[in-house]
Amino acid sequence: MKTHRAVRTPGGLSLRVDVRTLLVGTLLLLVALTASVVLIGTGDFPIPAADVVRTLLGEGDPGQEFIVTELRLPRVLVGLLVGASLGLAGALFQSISRNPLGSPDVLGLGQGATAGALVVIVLFSGTANQVALGALVGGLATGFAIYLLAWKRGVHGYRLVLVGIGVSAVVTAVNGYLLTKSDIVDAARAIVWMTGSLDGRDWDQVWPLLALCAILVPLVLANSRGLRMMEMGDDVSYALGVRVERVRLVLMLSAVLLTAAATAASGPVGFVALTAPQLARRLTRSPGPNLMSAMCMGAALLVSADWISQRAFGAGQLPVGVVTGVLGGVYLLWLLVTERRAGRI
């Protein structure tokens, strides 16, 4: 039986807290922070975890401070923000579609952002900032197209997933065409970007993504009650006073922005948005959207995958997108088999 506790604030507001969900979210956050400290200390110049913490608190020597704050901390922060953004976006799409396959990976938002980046790279030989802007625009345009094509007196479940799969196939073909029309230098640059990597990330990628999360996360949490009601169906939600289409549009737009911004910052890192909400739900054993738990799980998954990419293969480093792709692909196969046995697909 699930354990809940009522918490009353000084202002008289009463809240019901799911203790298990709170504990799981706290543990996942601790895992993400611990993995971040270990990752910051990893590299050609290893730094013990205690020295990393001391340096982050402003008590390290000048050499360690430069390595930690200028070289490694931005990369780790981008990883945390990208993982959290993808975890939250995946939880939103899966809750809205009421389908475990309803994630940005399956719906084609990552491919759309990739198309925007490829247009800038192949046709305009743009700078890194221009590529990031192109990815953001491409993701937004793809999300808008999916919403319009899936609309039929509202946006519902499997129709959203099926339309997303179709759009993803079209955009993937466009991406392949762009690569065949590019010269070898631009093609090599595009392939590196498409792999999904945290290499070379600095504070220029941290601040825009942090600012966007600071705006969108409170907005999403403010609409979380409506999202929970919508999981019981539109008719029940309308009866409970939820403005279903308004809430759905706001949350879908937020999820698209989070996915596009994360892709712009790191390239298309696959399967985090698909796996993080499902793993969080299994740990919390809660049927709700588990938004905060999915965010913490996404952050923990991505920084852990980045550590694996740097340490598990000897001197050679893999892009983090390769690691998440392998792990996420295995999870997707398991999920498809499970859904088929349950008769849902």
Protein backbone atom coordinates (compact mmCIF):
# COMPACT_ATOMS: atom_id res chain seq x y z
CA MET A 1 0.00 0.00 0.00
CA LYS A 2 1.27 3.44 -0.90
CA THR A 3 2.10 5.79 1.94
CA HIS A 4 0.87 9.37 1.78
CA ARG A 5 1.21 12.17 4.26
CA ALA A 6 -0.69 15.42 4.50
CA VAL A 7 1.45 18.54 4.93
CA ARG A 8 -0.12 21.81 6.07
CA THR A 9 1.70 25.07 5.34
CA PRO A 10 1.63 28.12 7.67
CA GLY A 11 -0.79 29.78 5.25
CA GLY A 12 -3.33 27.01 5.71
CA LEU A 13 -2.65 25.20 2.42
CA SER A 14 -2.84 21.43 2.75
CA LEU A 15 -0.75 19.19 0.48
CA ARG A 16 -0.68 15.42 0.17
CA VAL A 17 2.84 14.06 -0.19
CA ASP A 18 3.64 10.62 -1.62
CA VAL A 19 6.50 9.52 0.63
CA ARG A 20 7.84 6.87 -1.76
CA THR A 21 7.90 9.28 -4.69
CA LEU A 22 9.65 11.89 -2.56
CA LEU A 23 12.26 9.37 -1.44
CA VAL A 24 12.85 8.08 -4.97
CA GLY A 25 13.23 11.62 -6.32
CA THR A 26 15.67 12.50 -3.53
CA LEU A 27 17.76 9.38 -4.14
CA LEU A 28 17.85 9.99 -7.89
CA LEU A 29 18.96 13.57 -7.29
CA LEU A 30 21.73 12.33 -5.00
CA VAL A 31 22.79 9.80 -7.65
CA ALA A 32 22.92 12.55 -10.28
CA LEU A 33 24.96 14.87 -8.05
CA THR A 34 27.32 12.08 -6.99
CA ALA A 35 27.87 11.02 -10.60
CA SER A 36 28.50 14.67 -11.47
CA VAL A 37 31.23 14.99 -8.84
CA VAL A 38 32.86 11.75 -10.05
CA LEU A 39 32.61 12.92 -13.67
CA ILE A 40 34.20 16.28 -12.88
CA GLY A 41 37.13 14.43 -11.32
CA THR A 42 37.53 12.18 -14.37
CA GLY A 43 40.01 12.98 -17.12
CA ASP A 44 43.68 13.16 -18.08
CA PHE A 45 44.24 15.06 -14.82
CA PRO A 46 42.21 13.09 -12.26
CA ILE A 47 40.97 14.96 -9.19
CA PRO A 48 39.72 13.18 -6.05
CA ALA A 49 36.04 13.68 -5.26
CA ALA A 50 36.86 15.48 -1.99
CA ASP A 51 39.03 17.98 -3.87
CA VAL A 52 36.27 18.48 -6.46
CA VAL A 53 33.78 19.36 -3.73
CA ARG A 54 36.30 21.63 -2.03
CA THR A 55 37.02 23.39 -5.33
CA LEU A 56 33.30 23.86 -6.04
CA LEU A 57 33.03 25.50 -2.62
CA GLY A 58 35.80 27.93 -3.58
CA GLU A 59 38.60 26.35 -1.54
CA GLY A 60 40.65 24.65 -4.27
CA ASP A 61 44.05 25.65 -5.59
CA PRO A 62 44.23 27.76 -8.79
CA GLY A 63 45.07 24.80 -11.03
CA GLN A 64 42.18 22.70 -9.81
CA GLU A 65 39.83 25.67 -9.92
CA PHE A 66 40.62 26.27 -13.60
CA ILE A 67 40.17 22.61 -14.52
CA VAL A 68 36.95 22.21 -12.54
CA THR A 69 35.12 25.49 -13.17
CA GLU A 70 36.28 26.31 -16.68
CA LEU A 71 36.82 22.96 -18.36
CA ARG A 72 34.70 20.27 -16.71
CA LEU A 73 31.87 21.89 -14.76
CA PRO A 74 30.13 23.39 -17.86
CA ARG A 75 30.11 19.98 -19.56
CA VAL A 76 28.57 18.33 -16.50
CA LEU A 77 25.98 21.08 -16.07
CA VAL A 78 24.97 20.75 -19.73
CA GLY A 79 24.63 17.00 -19.18
CA LEU A 80 22.43 17.51 -16.12
CA LEU A 81 20.23 20.09 -17.83
CA VAL A 82 19.92 18.10 -21.06
CA GLY A 83 19.07 14.91 -19.17
CA ALA A 84 16.52 16.68 -16.97
CA SER A 85 14.94 18.44 -19.97
CA LEU A 86 14.63 15.22 -21.95
CA GLY A 87 13.28 13.31 -18.94
CA LEU A 88 10.62 15.95 -18.33
CA ALA A 89 9.72 16.20 -22.03
CA GLY A 90 9.39 12.42 -22.26
CA ALA A 91 7.14 12.30 -19.18
CA LEU A 92 4.91 15.01 -20.66
CA PHE A 93 4.53 13.33 -24.05
CA GLN A 94 3.94 9.88 -22.55
CA SER A 95 1.33 11.27 -20.18
CA ILE A 96 -0.43 13.31 -22.88
CA SER A 97 -0.51 10.41 -25.34
CA ARG A 98 -1.14 7.85 -22.58
CA ASN A 99 1.37 5.66 -24.39
CA PRO A 100 4.83 4.52 -23.20
CA LEU A 101 6.11 4.98 -26.76
CA GLY A 102 5.00 8.62 -26.88
CA SER A 103 8.43 10.18 -26.45
CA PRO A 104 10.36 12.77 -28.49
CA ASP A 105 12.58 9.98 -29.87
CA VAL A 106 9.64 8.15 -31.41
CA LEU A 107 7.67 11.27 -32.39
CA GLY A 108 10.53 12.65 -34.47
CA LEU A 109 11.29 15.84 -32.56
CA GLY A 110 14.96 14.97 -32.31
CA GLN A 111 15.05 14.30 -36.04
CA GLY A 112 13.33 17.62 -36.67
CA ALA A 113 15.91 19.47 -34.60
CA THR A 114 18.62 17.56 -36.49
CA ALA A 115 17.11 18.69 -39.79
CA GLY A 116 17.27 22.32 -38.67
CA ALA A 117 20.91 21.91 -37.67
CA LEU A 118 21.78 20.16 -40.96
CA VAL A 119 20.23 22.96 -43.00
CA VAL A 120 22.48 25.46 -41.23
CA ILE A 121 25.58 23.25 -41.54
CA VAL A 122 25.12 22.03 -45.11
CA LEU A 123 23.54 25.04 -46.81
CA PHE A 124 25.05 27.93 -44.85
CA SER A 125 28.17 26.52 -43.14
CA GLY A 126 26.95 28.23 -39.97
CA THR A 127 28.73 28.75 -36.69
CA ALA A 128 28.07 26.67 -33.57
CA ASN A 129 25.54 29.19 -32.26
CA GLN A 130 23.77 29.30 -35.61
CA VAL A 131 23.62 25.49 -35.67
CA ALA A 132 22.05 25.52 -32.21
CA LEU A 133 19.48 28.09 -33.33
CA GLY A 134 18.73 26.00 -36.42
CA ALA A 135 18.16 22.94 -34.25
CA LEU A 136 15.79 24.89 -32.01
CA VAL A 137 13.78 26.16 -34.99
CA GLY A 138 13.72 22.71 -36.59
CA GLY A 139 12.41 21.09 -33.42
CA LEU A 140 9.70 23.72 -33.00
CA ALA A 141 8.61 23.41 -36.64
CA THR A 142 8.41 19.62 -36.36
CA GLY A 143 6.39 19.81 -33.15
CA PHE A 144 3.98 22.29 -34.77
CA ALA A 145 3.56 20.01 -37.81
CA ILE A 146 2.85 16.97 -35.62
CA TYR A 147 0.26 18.88 -33.60
CA LEU A 148 -1.57 20.10 -36.72
CA LEU A 149 -1.53 16.70 -38.43
CA ALA A 150 -2.68 14.89 -35.28
CA TRP A 151 -5.51 17.35 -34.60
CA LYS A 152 -9.02 15.99 -35.01
CA ARG A 153 -11.34 17.47 -32.43
CA GLY A 154 -8.34 17.37 -30.13
CA VAL A 155 -5.06 15.46 -29.99
CA HIS A 156 -5.33 11.92 -28.66
CA GLY A 157 -3.18 8.93 -27.80
CA TYR A 158 -2.15 6.64 -30.61
CA ARG A 159 -2.98 9.17 -33.33
CA LEU A 160 -0.28 11.44 -31.94
CA VAL A 161 2.22 8.56 -31.87
CA LEU A 162 1.37 7.36 -35.37
CA VAL A 163 1.58 10.85 -36.85
CA GLY A 164 4.88 11.37 -35.05
CA ILE A 165 6.30 8.15 -36.48
CA GLY A 166 5.27 9.24 -39.98
CA VAL A 167 6.76 12.69 -39.59
CA SER A 168 9.93 11.15 -38.16
CA ALA A 169 10.30 8.93 -41.24
CA VAL A 170 9.88 11.92 -43.58
CA VAL A 171 12.34 14.10 -41.67
CA THR A 172 14.87 11.26 -41.48
CA ALA A 173 14.72 10.98 -45.27
CA VAL A 174 15.26 14.75 -45.57
CA ASN A 175 18.28 14.49 -43.28
CA GLY A 176 19.75 11.74 -45.45
CA TYR A 177 19.22 13.85 -48.57
CA LEU A 178 20.96 16.84 -46.97
CA LEU A 179 23.94 14.68 -46.08
CA THR A 180 24.27 13.35 -49.65
CA LYS A 181 24.27 16.91 -51.03
CA SER A 182 26.94 18.23 -48.65
CA ASP A 183 30.67 18.31 -49.26
CA ILE A 184 32.89 16.02 -47.24
CA VAL A 185 33.89 18.64 -44.67
CA ASP A 186 30.32 19.68 -43.89
CA ALA A 187 29.19 16.02 -43.93
CA ALA A 188 31.84 15.07 -41.38
CA ARG A 189 30.86 18.01 -39.19
CA ALA A 190 27.18 17.06 -39.46
CA ILE A 191 27.83 13.41 -38.57
CA VAL A 192 29.75 14.43 -35.46
CA TRP A 193 26.89 16.70 -34.38
CA MET A 194 24.25 14.05 -35.13
CA THR A 195 25.93 11.53 -32.86
CA GLY A 196 25.09 13.53 -29.73
CA SER A 197 28.01 14.54 -27.56
CA LEU A 198 28.96 16.70 -24.58
CA ASP A 199 32.53 17.24 -25.76
CA GLY A 200 33.62 20.87 -25.81
CA ARG A 201 30.53 22.19 -24.09
CA ASP A 202 31.09 25.44 -22.20
CA TRP A 203 29.16 28.14 -20.39
CA ASP A 204 27.67 29.40 -23.68
CA GLN A 205 25.50 26.26 -23.75
CA VAL A 206 24.74 26.30 -20.01
CA TRP A 207 23.08 29.70 -19.60
CA PRO A 208 20.43 29.56 -22.39
CA LEU A 209 19.33 26.06 -21.38
CA LEU A 210 19.28 26.99 -17.69
CA ALA A 211 17.18 30.09 -18.40
CA LEU A 212 14.70 28.09 -20.48
CA CYS A 213 14.37 25.43 -17.77
CA ALA A 214 13.86 28.15 -15.15
CA ILE A 215 10.85 29.36 -17.15
CA LEU A 216 9.35 26.10 -18.40
CA VAL A 217 9.71 23.83 -15.36
CA PRO A 218 7.54 26.04 -13.08
CA LEU A 219 5.04 26.42 -15.95
CA VAL A 220 4.82 22.65 -16.36
CA LEU A 221 4.48 22.04 -12.62
CA ALA A 222 1.73 24.67 -12.43
CA ASN A 223 -0.27 22.60 -14.96
CA SER A 224 0.59 19.22 -13.44
CA ARG A 225 -2.81 18.83 -11.77
CA GLY A 226 -4.56 19.21 -15.12
CA LEU A 227 -2.15 16.70 -16.65
CA ARG A 228 -2.94 14.18 -13.92
CA MET A 229 -6.67 14.66 -14.50
CA MET A 230 -6.22 14.23 -18.26
CA GLU A 231 -4.82 10.73 -17.72
CA MET A 232 -8.37 9.69 -16.74
CA GLY A 233 -9.70 10.84 -20.11
CA ASP A 234 -10.89 14.09 -21.64
CA ASP A 235 -14.53 13.70 -20.61
CA VAL A 236 -13.65 13.21 -16.94
CA SER A 237 -11.20 16.11 -17.13
CA TYR A 238 -13.82 18.44 -18.59
CA ALA A 239 -16.23 17.39 -15.85
CA LEU A 240 -13.60 18.26 -13.23
CA GLY A 241 -13.15 21.73 -14.71
CA VAL A 242 -9.89 21.19 -16.59
CA ARG A 243 -9.48 23.21 -19.79
CA VAL A 244 -8.15 20.18 -21.61
CA GLU A 245 -7.01 21.60 -24.96
CA ARG A 246 -5.43 24.66 -23.35
CA VAL A 247 -3.48 22.52 -20.86
CA ARG A 248 -2.51 20.04 -23.57
CA LEU A 249 -1.25 22.80 -25.88
CA VAL A 250 0.77 24.50 -23.14
CA LEU A 251 2.38 21.24 -22.02
CA MET A 252 3.09 20.03 -25.56
CA LEU A 253 4.68 23.35 -26.44
CA SER A 254 6.78 23.16 -23.27
CA ALA A 255 7.87 19.60 -24.10
CA VAL A 256 8.79 20.57 -27.66
CA LEU A 257 10.82 23.56 -26.42
CA LEU A 258 12.63 21.42 -23.85
CA THR A 259 13.47 18.76 -26.44
CA ALA A 260 14.60 21.27 -29.08
CA ALA A 261 16.72 23.23 -26.59
CA ALA A 262 18.34 20.05 -25.25
CA THR A 263 19.10 18.88 -28.78
CA ALA A 264 20.51 22.27 -29.67
CA ALA A 265 22.86 22.10 -26.68
CA SER A 266 24.18 18.55 -27.10
CA GLY A 267 22.97 17.14 -30.39
CA PRO A 268 20.33 14.38 -30.57
CA VAL A 269 20.97 12.22 -27.49
CA GLY A 270 18.72 9.24 -28.02
CA PHE A 271 16.37 7.33 -25.74
CA VAL A 272 16.81 9.33 -22.52
CA ALA A 273 13.35 10.85 -23.02
CA LEU A 274 11.91 7.38 -23.63
CA THR A 275 13.49 5.49 -20.75
CA ALA A 276 13.72 8.06 -17.92
CA PRO A 277 9.93 8.46 -17.31
CA GLN A 278 9.35 4.70 -17.48
CA LEU A 279 12.18 3.86 -15.09
CA ALA A 280 11.02 6.61 -12.71
CA ARG A 281 7.46 5.26 -12.79
CA ARG A 282 8.64 1.75 -12.00
CA LEU A 283 10.67 2.99 -9.04
CA THR A 284 7.92 5.21 -7.62
CA ARG A 285 5.13 2.72 -8.46
CA SER A 286 2.95 5.74 -9.10
CA PRO A 287 0.51 5.91 -12.05
CA GLY A 288 0.86 9.68 -12.38
CA PRO A 289 3.19 11.58 -14.72
CA ASN A 290 6.06 11.57 -12.15
CA LEU A 291 7.47 14.80 -13.55
CA MET A 292 10.13 15.56 -10.93
CA SER A 293 11.23 11.93 -10.69
CA ALA A 294 11.56 11.75 -14.49
CA MET A 295 13.70 14.90 -14.47
CA CYS A 296 16.04 13.50 -11.82
CA MET A 297 16.20 10.13 -13.59
CA GLY A 298 17.05 11.80 -16.91
CA ALA A 299 19.84 13.83 -15.32
CA ALA A 300 21.25 10.76 -13.54
CA LEU A 301 21.09 8.65 -16.71
CA LEU A 302 22.88 11.17 -18.89
CA VAL A 303 25.76 12.02 -16.55
CA SER A 304 26.21 8.30 -15.82
CA ALA A 305 26.25 7.53 -19.54
CA ASP A 306 28.81 10.31 -20.04
CA TRP A 307 31.03 8.74 -17.37
CA ILE A 308 30.68 5.34 -19.09
CA SER A 309 31.56 6.91 -22.45
CA GLN A 310 34.79 8.29 -20.97
CA ARG A 311 35.94 5.40 -18.78
CA ALA A 312 34.53 2.10 -20.02
CA PHE A 313 36.44 1.90 -23.30
CA GLY A 314 40.03 2.54 -22.28
CA ALA A 315 41.80 5.36 -24.07
CA GLY A 316 39.05 5.71 -26.68
CA GLN A 317 36.02 7.81 -25.76
CA LEU A 318 32.57 7.30 -27.21
CA PRO A 319 30.09 10.14 -27.68
CA VAL A 320 27.45 9.97 -24.99
CA GLY A 321 24.76 9.58 -27.68
CA VAL A 322 26.23 6.22 -28.68
CA VAL A 323 26.02 4.92 -25.10
CA THR A 324 22.43 6.11 -24.56
CA GLY A 325 21.48 4.74 -27.98
CA VAL A 326 22.76 1.25 -27.15
CA LEU A 327 21.19 1.16 -23.69
CA GLY A 328 17.97 2.78 -24.85
CA GLY A 329 17.66 0.47 -27.86
CA VAL A 330 17.80 -2.56 -25.59
CA TYR A 331 15.16 -0.99 -23.35
CA LEU A 332 12.93 -0.19 -26.35
CA LEU A 333 13.04 -3.80 -27.54
CA TRP A 334 12.11 -4.98 -24.05
CA LEU A 335 9.27 -2.44 -23.89
CA LEU A 336 7.88 -3.51 -27.28
CA VAL A 337 7.93 -7.18 -26.26
CA THR A 338 6.19 -6.31 -22.97
CA GLU A 339 3.53 -4.21 -24.70
CA ARG A 340 2.91 -6.97 -27.26
CA ARG A 341 2.49 -9.64 -24.58
CA ALA A 342 0.05 -7.35 -22.80
CA GLY A 343 -1.96 -7.03 -26.01
CA ARG A 344 -1.55 -3.26 -26.27
CA ILE A 345 0.24 -3.35 -29.66
